[in-house]
Each structure stands twice: as C-alpha cells, then as structure tokens.
Amino acid sequence: MADEMYPEVMPHCDPRVLHAPGECNICDTFTELQEARKKMMINFTGYKEKGFGPCPADAIRPGIHHLWPGNRPWRAGK
C-alpha cells in the first residue's frame, strides 16, 4: 500500500516533503500530489492548518527536515 502512495520520483530527498502550490518550483511540477494532499486534508510541509492532518515530514522529523538543502523549497531567481 505504501508504494501506491508514493510515485517512483518525488520532488525532494525526503519523499514526505511536499510544499504548497506557489512555494517551490519543484513541488509545483507535482500538481497531482499537491491536489491529493488537499483532498486528503493533509498539511503541506511547514503548515499547521486546523482540521488538517500533519505533514508526514513535519510529524516524523519536526523542525529538522529542512536542514538538508535538498528538502528546502526552491524558487528560480531566489
């Protein structure tokens, strides 16, 4: 079942990291994953919206997953 949740290619080194639309150029190419997270009411990485479940990356490694540069949101020109 876990294999069905995660495609072979994920946007970041930690496959649990998924940034909200507009925050990361890389995550923005994974629109199906972003839409699925919205429908399942799971927070995006770094969010704590009430009524939504925790982001898996934030739940497993709170406050430290972003220390690895490959997990940070990436914006062209910034």
PDB file of N, CA and C in Angstrom:
ATOM      1  N   MET A   1       0.819  -1.193   0.000  1.00  0.00           N
ATOM      2  CA  MET A   1       0.000   0.000   0.000  1.00  0.00           C
ATOM      3  C   MET A   1       0.863   1.257   0.000  1.00  0.00           C
ATOM      4  N   ALA A   2       1.980   1.263   0.714  1.00  0.00           N
ATOM      5  CA  ALA A   2       2.841   2.443   0.743  1.00  0.00           C
ATOM      6  C   ALA A   2       3.349   2.777  -0.647  1.00  0.00           C
ATOM      7  N   ASP A   3       3.637   1.769  -1.469  1.00  0.00           N
ATOM      8  CA  ASP A   3       4.119   2.013  -2.827  1.00  0.00           C
ATOM      9  C   ASP A   3       3.098   2.759  -3.661  1.00  0.00           C
ATOM     10  N   GLU A   4       1.821   2.565  -3.370  1.00  0.00           N
ATOM     11  CA  GLU A   4       0.766   3.250  -4.110  1.00  0.00           C
ATOM     12  C   GLU A   4       0.697   4.723  -3.747  1.00  0.00           C
ATOM     13  N   MET A   5       1.135   5.069  -2.530  1.00  0.00           N
ATOM     14  CA  MET A   5       1.062   6.453  -2.070  1.00  0.00           C
ATOM     15  C   MET A   5       2.157   7.315  -2.649  1.00  0.00           C
ATOM     16  N   TYR A   6       3.315   6.718  -2.928  1.00  0.00           N
ATOM     17  CA  TYR A   6       4.459   7.481  -3.395  1.00  0.00           C
ATOM     18  C   TYR A   6       4.894   7.006  -4.772  1.00  0.00           C
ATOM     19  N   PRO A   7       4.894   7.904  -5.749  1.00  0.00           N
ATOM     20  CA  PRO A   7       5.399   7.510  -7.074  1.00  0.00           C
ATOM     21  C   PRO A   7       6.915   7.281  -7.018  1.00  0.00           C
ATOM     22  N   GLU A   8       7.468   6.750  -8.102  1.00  0.00           N
ATOM     23  CA  GLU A   8       8.913   6.471  -8.138  1.00  0.00           C
ATOM     24  C   GLU A   8       9.749   7.728  -7.972  1.00  0.00           C
ATOM     25  N   VAL A   9       9.293   8.844  -8.494  1.00  0.00           N
ATOM     26  CA  VAL A   9      10.038  10.107  -8.423  1.00  0.00           C
ATOM     27  C   VAL A   9       9.273  11.051  -7.505  1.00  0.00           C
ATOM     28  N   MET A  10       9.988  11.618  -6.554  1.00  0.00           N
ATOM     29  CA  MET A  10       9.397  12.579  -5.625  1.00  0.00           C
ATOM     30  C   MET A  10      10.151  13.903  -5.755  1.00  0.00           C
ATOM     31  N   PRO A  11       9.516  15.006  -5.332  1.00  0.00           N
ATOM     32  CA  PRO A  11      10.154  16.310  -5.530  1.00  0.00           C
ATOM     33  C   PRO A  11      11.401  16.567  -4.696  1.00  0.00           C
ATOM     34  N   HIS A  12      11.530  15.944  -3.547  1.00  0.00           N
ATOM     35  CA  HIS A  12      12.662  16.239  -2.663  1.00  0.00           C
ATOM     36  C   HIS A  12      13.324  14.958  -2.169  1.00  0.00           C
ATOM     37  N   CYS A  13      14.469  15.116  -1.513  1.00  0.00           N
ATOM     38  CA  CYS A  13      15.215  13.969  -0.979  1.00  0.00           C
ATOM     39  C   CYS A  13      14.360  13.166  -0.009  1.00  0.00           C
ATOM     40  N   ASP A  14      13.643  13.836   0.852  1.00  0.00           N
ATOM     41  CA  ASP A  14      12.706  13.183   1.760  1.00  0.00           C
ATOM     42  C   ASP A  14      11.370  13.111   1.037  1.00  0.00           C
ATOM     43  N   PRO A  15      10.874  11.920   0.715  1.00  0.00           N
ATOM     44  CA  PRO A  15       9.639  11.811  -0.065  1.00  0.00           C
ATOM     45  C   PRO A  15       8.401  12.312   0.668  1.00  0.00           C
ATOM     46  N   ARG A  16       8.520  12.588   1.968  1.00  0.00           N
ATOM     47  CA  ARG A  16       7.374  13.104   2.732  1.00  0.00           C
ATOM     48  C   ARG A  16       7.236  14.617   2.601  1.00  0.00           C
ATOM     49  N   VAL A  17       8.271  15.289   2.106  1.00  0.00           N
ATOM     50  CA  VAL A  17       8.246  16.746   1.944  1.00  0.00           C
ATOM     51  C   VAL A  17       7.462  17.096   0.688  1.00  0.00           C
ATOM     52  N   LEU A  18       6.462  17.944   0.854  1.00  0.00           N
ATOM     53  CA  LEU A  18       5.700  18.463  -0.283  1.00  0.00           C
ATOM     54  C   LEU A  18       5.243  19.874   0.071  1.00  0.00           C
ATOM     55  N   HIS A  19       5.755  20.854  -0.673  1.00  0.00           N
ATOM     56  CA  HIS A  19       5.430  22.254  -0.400  1.00  0.00           C
ATOM     57  C   HIS A  19       4.133  22.665  -1.089  1.00  0.00           C
ATOM     58  N   ALA A  20       3.492  23.650  -0.502  1.00  0.00           N
ATOM     59  CA  ALA A  20       2.225  24.158  -1.033  1.00  0.00           C
ATOM     60  C   ALA A  20       2.425  24.770  -2.415  1.00  0.00           C
ATOM     61  N   PRO A  21       1.365  24.772  -3.228  1.00  0.00           N
ATOM     62  CA  PRO A  21       1.467  25.394  -4.544  1.00  0.00           C
ATOM     63  C   PRO A  21       1.969  26.832  -4.446  1.00  0.00           C
ATOM     64  N   GLY A  22       2.911  27.172  -5.323  1.00  0.00           N
ATOM     65  CA  GLY A  22       3.467  28.513  -5.367  1.00  0.00           C
ATOM     66  C   GLY A  22       4.680  28.725  -4.480  1.00  0.00           C
ATOM     67  N   GLU A  23       5.023  27.756  -3.632  1.00  0.00           N
ATOM     68  CA  GLU A  23       6.168  27.904  -2.736  1.00  0.00           C
ATOM     69  C   GLU A  23       7.452  27.326  -3.292  1.00  0.00           C
ATOM     70  N   CYS A  24       7.333  26.378  -4.207  1.00  0.00           N
ATOM     71  CA  CYS A  24       8.508  25.648  -4.662  1.00  0.00           C
ATOM     72  C   CYS A  24       8.327  25.242  -6.128  1.00  0.00           C
ATOM     73  N   ASN A  25       9.252  25.668  -6.969  1.00  0.00           N
ATOM     74  CA  ASN A  25       9.150  25.323  -8.398  1.00  0.00           C
ATOM     75  C   ASN A  25       9.134  23.818  -8.618  1.00  0.00           C
ATOM     76  N   ILE A  26       9.900  23.097  -7.821  1.00  0.00           N
ATOM     77  CA  ILE A  26       9.977  21.645  -7.992  1.00  0.00           C
ATOM     78  C   ILE A  26       8.649  20.998  -7.604  1.00  0.00           C
ATOM     79  N   CYS A  27       8.131  21.318  -6.435  1.00  0.00           N
ATOM     80  CA  CYS A  27       6.862  20.738  -5.994  1.00  0.00           C
ATOM     81  C   CYS A  27       5.714  21.128  -6.926  1.00  0.00           C
ATOM     82  N   ASP A  28       5.799  22.316  -7.503  1.00  0.00           N
ATOM     83  CA  ASP A  28       4.739  22.763  -8.411  1.00  0.00           C
ATOM     84  C   ASP A  28       4.641  21.914  -9.666  1.00  0.00           C
ATOM     85  N   THR A  29       5.644  21.101  -9.974  1.00  0.00           N
ATOM     86  CA  THR A  29       5.545  20.189 -11.120  1.00  0.00           C
ATOM     87  C   THR A  29       4.844  18.895 -10.726  1.00  0.00           C
ATOM     88  N   PHE A  30       4.560  18.726  -9.434  1.00  0.00           N
ATOM     89  CA  PHE A  30       3.865  17.541  -8.925  1.00  0.00           C
ATOM     90  C   PHE A  30       2.446  17.932  -8.501  1.00  0.00           C
ATOM     91  N   THR A  31       1.708  18.508  -9.432  1.00  0.00           N
ATOM     92  CA  THR A  31       0.369  19.022  -9.120  1.00  0.00           C
ATOM     93  C   THR A  31      -0.581  17.921  -8.648  1.00  0.00           C
ATOM     94  N   GLU A  32      -0.449  16.707  -9.173  1.00  0.00           N
ATOM     95  CA  GLU A  32      -1.334  15.617  -8.735  1.00  0.00           C
ATOM     96  C   GLU A  32      -1.106  15.296  -7.259  1.00  0.00           C
ATOM     97  N   LEU A  33       0.148  15.304  -6.832  1.00  0.00           N
ATOM     98  CA  LEU A  33       0.439  15.058  -5.414  1.00  0.00           C
ATOM     99  C   LEU A  33      -0.095  16.198  -4.546  1.00  0.00           C
ATOM    100  N   GLN A  34       0.059  17.429  -5.026  1.00  0.00           N
ATOM    101  CA  GLN A  34      -0.455  18.572  -4.266  1.00  0.00           C
ATOM    102  C   GLN A  34      -1.975  18.494  -4.136  1.00  0.00           C
ATOM    103  N   GLU A  35      -2.656  18.150  -5.223  1.00  0.00           N
ATOM    104  CA  GLU A  35      -4.115  18.030  -5.186  1.00  0.00           C
ATOM    105  C   GLU A  35      -4.541  16.886  -4.274  1.00  0.00           C
ATOM    106  N   ALA A  36      -3.811  15.774  -4.315  1.00  0.00           N
ATOM    107  CA  ALA A  36      -4.138  14.628  -3.456  1.00  0.00           C
ATOM    108  C   ALA A  36      -4.013  15.010  -1.985  1.00  0.00           C
ATOM    109  N   ARG A  37      -2.989  15.770  -1.666  1.00  0.00           N
ATOM    110  CA  ARG A  37      -2.803  16.173  -0.265  1.00  0.00           C
ATOM    111  C   ARG A  37      -3.949  17.064   0.191  1.00  0.00           C
ATOM    112  N   LYS A  38      -4.383  17.964  -0.684  1.00  0.00           N
ATOM    113  CA  LYS A  38      -5.530  18.823  -0.344  1.00  0.00           C
ATOM    114  C   LYS A  38      -6.777  17.971  -0.097  1.00  0.00           C
ATOM    115  N   LYS A  39      -7.054  17.027  -0.998  1.00  0.00           N
ATOM    116  CA  LYS A  39      -8.248  16.186  -0.883  1.00  0.00           C
ATOM    117  C   LYS A  39      -8.208  15.320   0.368  1.00  0.00           C
ATOM    118  N   MET A  40      -7.027  14.847   0.743  1.00  0.00           N
ATOM    119  CA  MET A  40      -6.889  14.012   1.940  1.00  0.00           C
ATOM    120  C   MET A  40      -6.793  14.847   3.220  1.00  0.00           C
ATOM    121  N   MET A  41      -6.798  16.165   3.045  1.00  0.00           N
ATOM    122  CA  MET A  41      -6.729  17.096   4.170  1.00  0.00           C
ATOM    123  C   MET A  41      -5.477  16.863   5.014  1.00  0.00           C
ATOM    124  N   ILE A  42      -4.338  16.814   4.321  1.00  0.00           N
ATOM    125  CA  ILE A  42      -3.040  16.686   4.966  1.00  0.00           C
ATOM    126  C   ILE A  42      -2.273  17.982   4.711  1.00  0.00           C
ATOM    127  N   ASN A  43      -1.723  18.559   5.749  1.00  0.00           N
ATOM    128  CA  ASN A  43      -0.981  19.811   5.604  1.00  0.00           C
ATOM    129  C   ASN A  43       0.223  19.654   4.689  1.00  0.00           C
ATOM    130  N   PHE A  44       0.543  20.738   4.012  1.00  0.00           N
ATOM    131  CA  PHE A  44       1.792  20.804   3.255  1.00  0.00           C
ATOM    132  C   PHE A  44       2.930  21.032   4.250  1.00  0.00           C
ATOM    133  N   THR A  45       4.131  20.752   3.831  1.00  0.00           N
ATOM    134  CA  THR A  45       5.302  20.902   4.685  1.00  0.00           C
ATOM    135  C   THR A  45       5.386  22.337   5.210  1.00  0.00           C
ATOM    136  N   GLY A  46       5.527  22.450   6.520  1.00  0.00           N
ATOM    137  CA  GLY A  46       5.628  23.755   7.160  1.00  0.00           C
ATOM    138  C   GLY A  46       4.295  24.364   7.552  1.00  0.00           C
ATOM    139  N   TYR A  47       3.185  23.737   7.212  1.00  0.00           N
ATOM    140  CA  TYR A  47       1.863  24.272   7.534  1.00  0.00           C
ATOM    141  C   TYR A  47       1.264  23.535   8.731  1.00  0.00           C
ATOM    142  N   LYS A  48       0.426  24.248   9.482  1.00  0.00           N
ATOM    143  CA  LYS A  48      -0.295  23.654  10.609  1.00  0.00           C
ATOM    144  C   LYS A  48      -1.738  24.144  10.586  1.00  0.00           C
ATOM    145  N   GLU A  49      -2.394  23.950   9.456  1.00  0.00           N
ATOM    146  CA  GLU A  49      -3.772  24.407   9.296  1.00  0.00           C
ATOM    147  C   GLU A  49      -4.710  23.522  10.108  1.00  0.00           C
ATOM    148  N   LYS A  50      -5.580  24.158  10.886  1.00  0.00           N
ATOM    149  CA  LYS A  50      -6.521  23.413  11.722  1.00  0.00           C
ATOM    150  C   LYS A  50      -7.447  22.577  10.846  1.00  0.00           C
ATOM    151  N   GLY A  51      -7.781  21.392  11.332  1.00  0.00           N
ATOM    152  CA  GLY A  51      -8.676  20.498  10.608  1.00  0.00           C
ATOM    153  C   GLY A  51      -7.954  19.605   9.609  1.00  0.00           C
ATOM    154  N   PHE A  52      -6.661  19.834   9.417  1.00  0.00           N
ATOM    155  CA  PHE A  52      -5.858  19.027   8.504  1.00  0.00           C
ATOM    156  C   PHE A  52      -4.898  18.164   9.310  1.00  0.00           C
ATOM    157  N   GLY A  53      -4.570  16.999   8.779  1.00  0.00           N
ATOM    158  CA  GLY A  53      -3.575  16.149   9.410  1.00  0.00           C
ATOM    159  C   GLY A  53      -2.194  16.751   9.238  1.00  0.00           C
ATOM    160  N   PRO A  54      -1.239  16.303  10.041  1.00  0.00           N
ATOM    161  CA  PRO A  54       0.104  16.863   9.943  1.00  0.00           C
ATOM    162  C   PRO A  54       0.824  16.421   8.670  1.00  0.00           C
ATOM    163  N   CYS A  55       1.700  17.266   8.197  1.00  0.00           N
ATOM    164  CA  CYS A  55       2.581  16.881   7.095  1.00  0.00           C
ATOM    165  C   CYS A  55       3.414  15.701   7.591  1.00  0.00           C
ATOM    166  N   PRO A  56       3.538  14.637   6.802  1.00  0.00           N
ATOM    167  CA  PRO A  56       4.338  13.494   7.250  1.00  0.00           C
ATOM    168  C   PRO A  56       5.780  13.861   7.607  1.00  0.00           C
ATOM    169  N   ALA A  57       6.403  14.756   6.848  1.00  0.00           N
ATOM    170  CA  ALA A  57       7.786  15.158   7.145  1.00  0.00           C
ATOM    171  C   ALA A  57       7.860  15.913   8.466  1.00  0.00           C
ATOM    172  N   ASP A  58       6.890  16.795   8.709  1.00  0.00           N
ATOM    173  CA  ASP A  58       6.869  17.550   9.964  1.00  0.00           C
ATOM    174  C   ASP A  58       6.591  16.634  11.148  1.00  0.00           C
ATOM    175  N   ALA A  59       5.775  15.606  10.946  1.00  0.00           N
ATOM    176  CA  ALA A  59       5.434  14.691  12.040  1.00  0.00           C
ATOM    177  C   ALA A  59       6.614  13.793  12.401  1.00  0.00           C
ATOM    178  N   ILE A  60       7.344  13.305  11.398  1.00  0.00           N
ATOM    179  CA  ILE A  60       8.442  12.379  11.636  1.00  0.00           C
ATOM    180  C   ILE A  60       9.694  13.088  12.165  1.00  0.00           C
ATOM    181  N   ARG A  61      10.017  14.240  11.532  1.00  0.00           N
ATOM    182  CA  ARG A  61      11.245  14.960  11.925  1.00  0.00           C
ATOM    183  C   ARG A  61      10.926  16.446  12.097  1.00  0.00           C
ATOM    184  N   PRO A  62      10.172  16.781  13.139  1.00  0.00           N
ATOM    185  CA  PRO A  62       9.755  18.176  13.309  1.00  0.00           C
ATOM    186  C   PRO A  62      10.931  19.137  13.452  1.00  0.00           C
ATOM    187  N   GLY A  63      10.902  20.153  12.633  1.00  0.00           N
ATOM    188  CA  GLY A  63      11.890  21.210  12.731  1.00  0.00           C
ATOM    189  C   GLY A  63      13.274  20.909  12.196  1.00  0.00           C
ATOM    190  N   ILE A  64      13.509  19.705  11.661  1.00  0.00           N
ATOM    191  CA  ILE A  64      14.861  19.418  11.192  1.00  0.00           C
ATOM    192  C   ILE A  64      14.953  18.961   9.740  1.00  0.00           C
ATOM    193  N   HIS A  65      13.842  18.555   9.115  1.00  0.00           N
ATOM    194  CA  HIS A  65      13.929  18.050   7.743  1.00  0.00           C
ATOM    195  C   HIS A  65      14.448  19.102   6.771  1.00  0.00           C
ATOM    196  N   HIS A  66      14.224  20.368   7.069  1.00  0.00           N
ATOM    197  CA  HIS A  66      14.664  21.454   6.180  1.00  0.00           C
ATOM    198  C   HIS A  66      16.162  21.751   6.305  1.00  0.00           C
ATOM    199  N   LEU A  67      16.829  21.138   7.264  1.00  0.00           N
ATOM    200  CA  LEU A  67      18.267  21.379   7.410  1.00  0.00           C
ATOM    201  C   LEU A  67      19.059  20.842   6.221  1.00  0.00           C
ATOM    202  N   TRP A  68      18.542  19.828   5.553  1.00  0.00           N
ATOM    203  CA  TRP A  68      19.161  19.303   4.339  1.00  0.00           C
ATOM    204  C   TRP A  68      18.697  20.175   3.175  1.00  0.00           C
ATOM    205  N   PRO A  69      19.607  20.819   2.448  1.00  0.00           N
ATOM    206  CA  PRO A  69      19.202  21.730   1.364  1.00  0.00           C
ATOM    207  C   PRO A  69      18.285  21.094   0.324  1.00  0.00           C
ATOM    208  N   GLY A  70      18.412  19.798   0.108  1.00  0.00           N
ATOM    209  CA  GLY A  70      17.577  19.128  -0.881  1.00  0.00           C
ATOM    210  C   GLY A  70      16.102  19.031  -0.507  1.00  0.00           C
ATOM    211  N   ASN A  71      15.754  19.384   0.735  1.00  0.00           N
ATOM    212  CA  ASN A  71      14.360  19.351   1.179  1.00  0.00           C
ATOM    213  C   ASN A  71      13.735  20.745   1.260  1.00  0.00           C
ATOM    214  N   ARG A  72      14.512  21.774   1.005  1.00  0.00           N
ATOM    215  CA  ARG A  72      14.001  23.147   1.110  1.00  0.00           C
ATOM    216  C   ARG A  72      13.244  23.537  -0.154  1.00  0.00           C
ATOM    217  N   PRO A  73      12.265  24.452  -0.014  1.00  0.00           N
ATOM    218  CA  PRO A  73      11.574  24.926  -1.225  1.00  0.00           C
ATOM    219  C   PRO A  73      12.555  25.644  -2.139  1.00  0.00           C
ATOM    220  N   TRP A  74      12.396  25.433  -3.418  1.00  0.00           N
ATOM    221  CA  TRP A  74      13.301  26.025  -4.398  1.00  0.00           C
ATOM    222  C   TRP A  74      12.512  26.937  -5.324  1.00  0.00           C
ATOM    223  N   ARG A  75      12.998  28.175  -5.463  1.00  0.00           N
ATOM    224  CA  ARG A  75      12.402  29.154  -6.386  1.00  0.00           C
ATOM    225  C   ARG A  75      13.479  29.667  -7.296  1.00  0.00           C
ATOM    226  N   ALA A  76      13.211  29.640  -8.577  1.00  0.00           N
ATOM    227  CA  ALA A  76      14.176  30.173  -9.553  1.00  0.00           C
ATOM    228  C   ALA A  76      14.376  31.654  -9.288  1.00  0.00           C
ATOM    229  N   GLY A  77      15.610  32.108  -9.335  1.00  0.00           N
ATOM    230  CA  GLY A  77      15.906  33.517  -9.163  1.00  0.00           C
ATOM    231  C   GLY A  77      16.023  33.968  -7.726  1.00  0.00           C
ATOM    232  N   LYS A  78      15.892  33.046  -6.771  1.00  0.00           N
ATOM    233  CA  LYS A  78      16.000  33.433  -5.352  1.00  0.00           C
ATOM    234  C   LYS A  78      17.175  32.762  -4.717  1.00  0.00           C
TER     235      LYS A  78
END
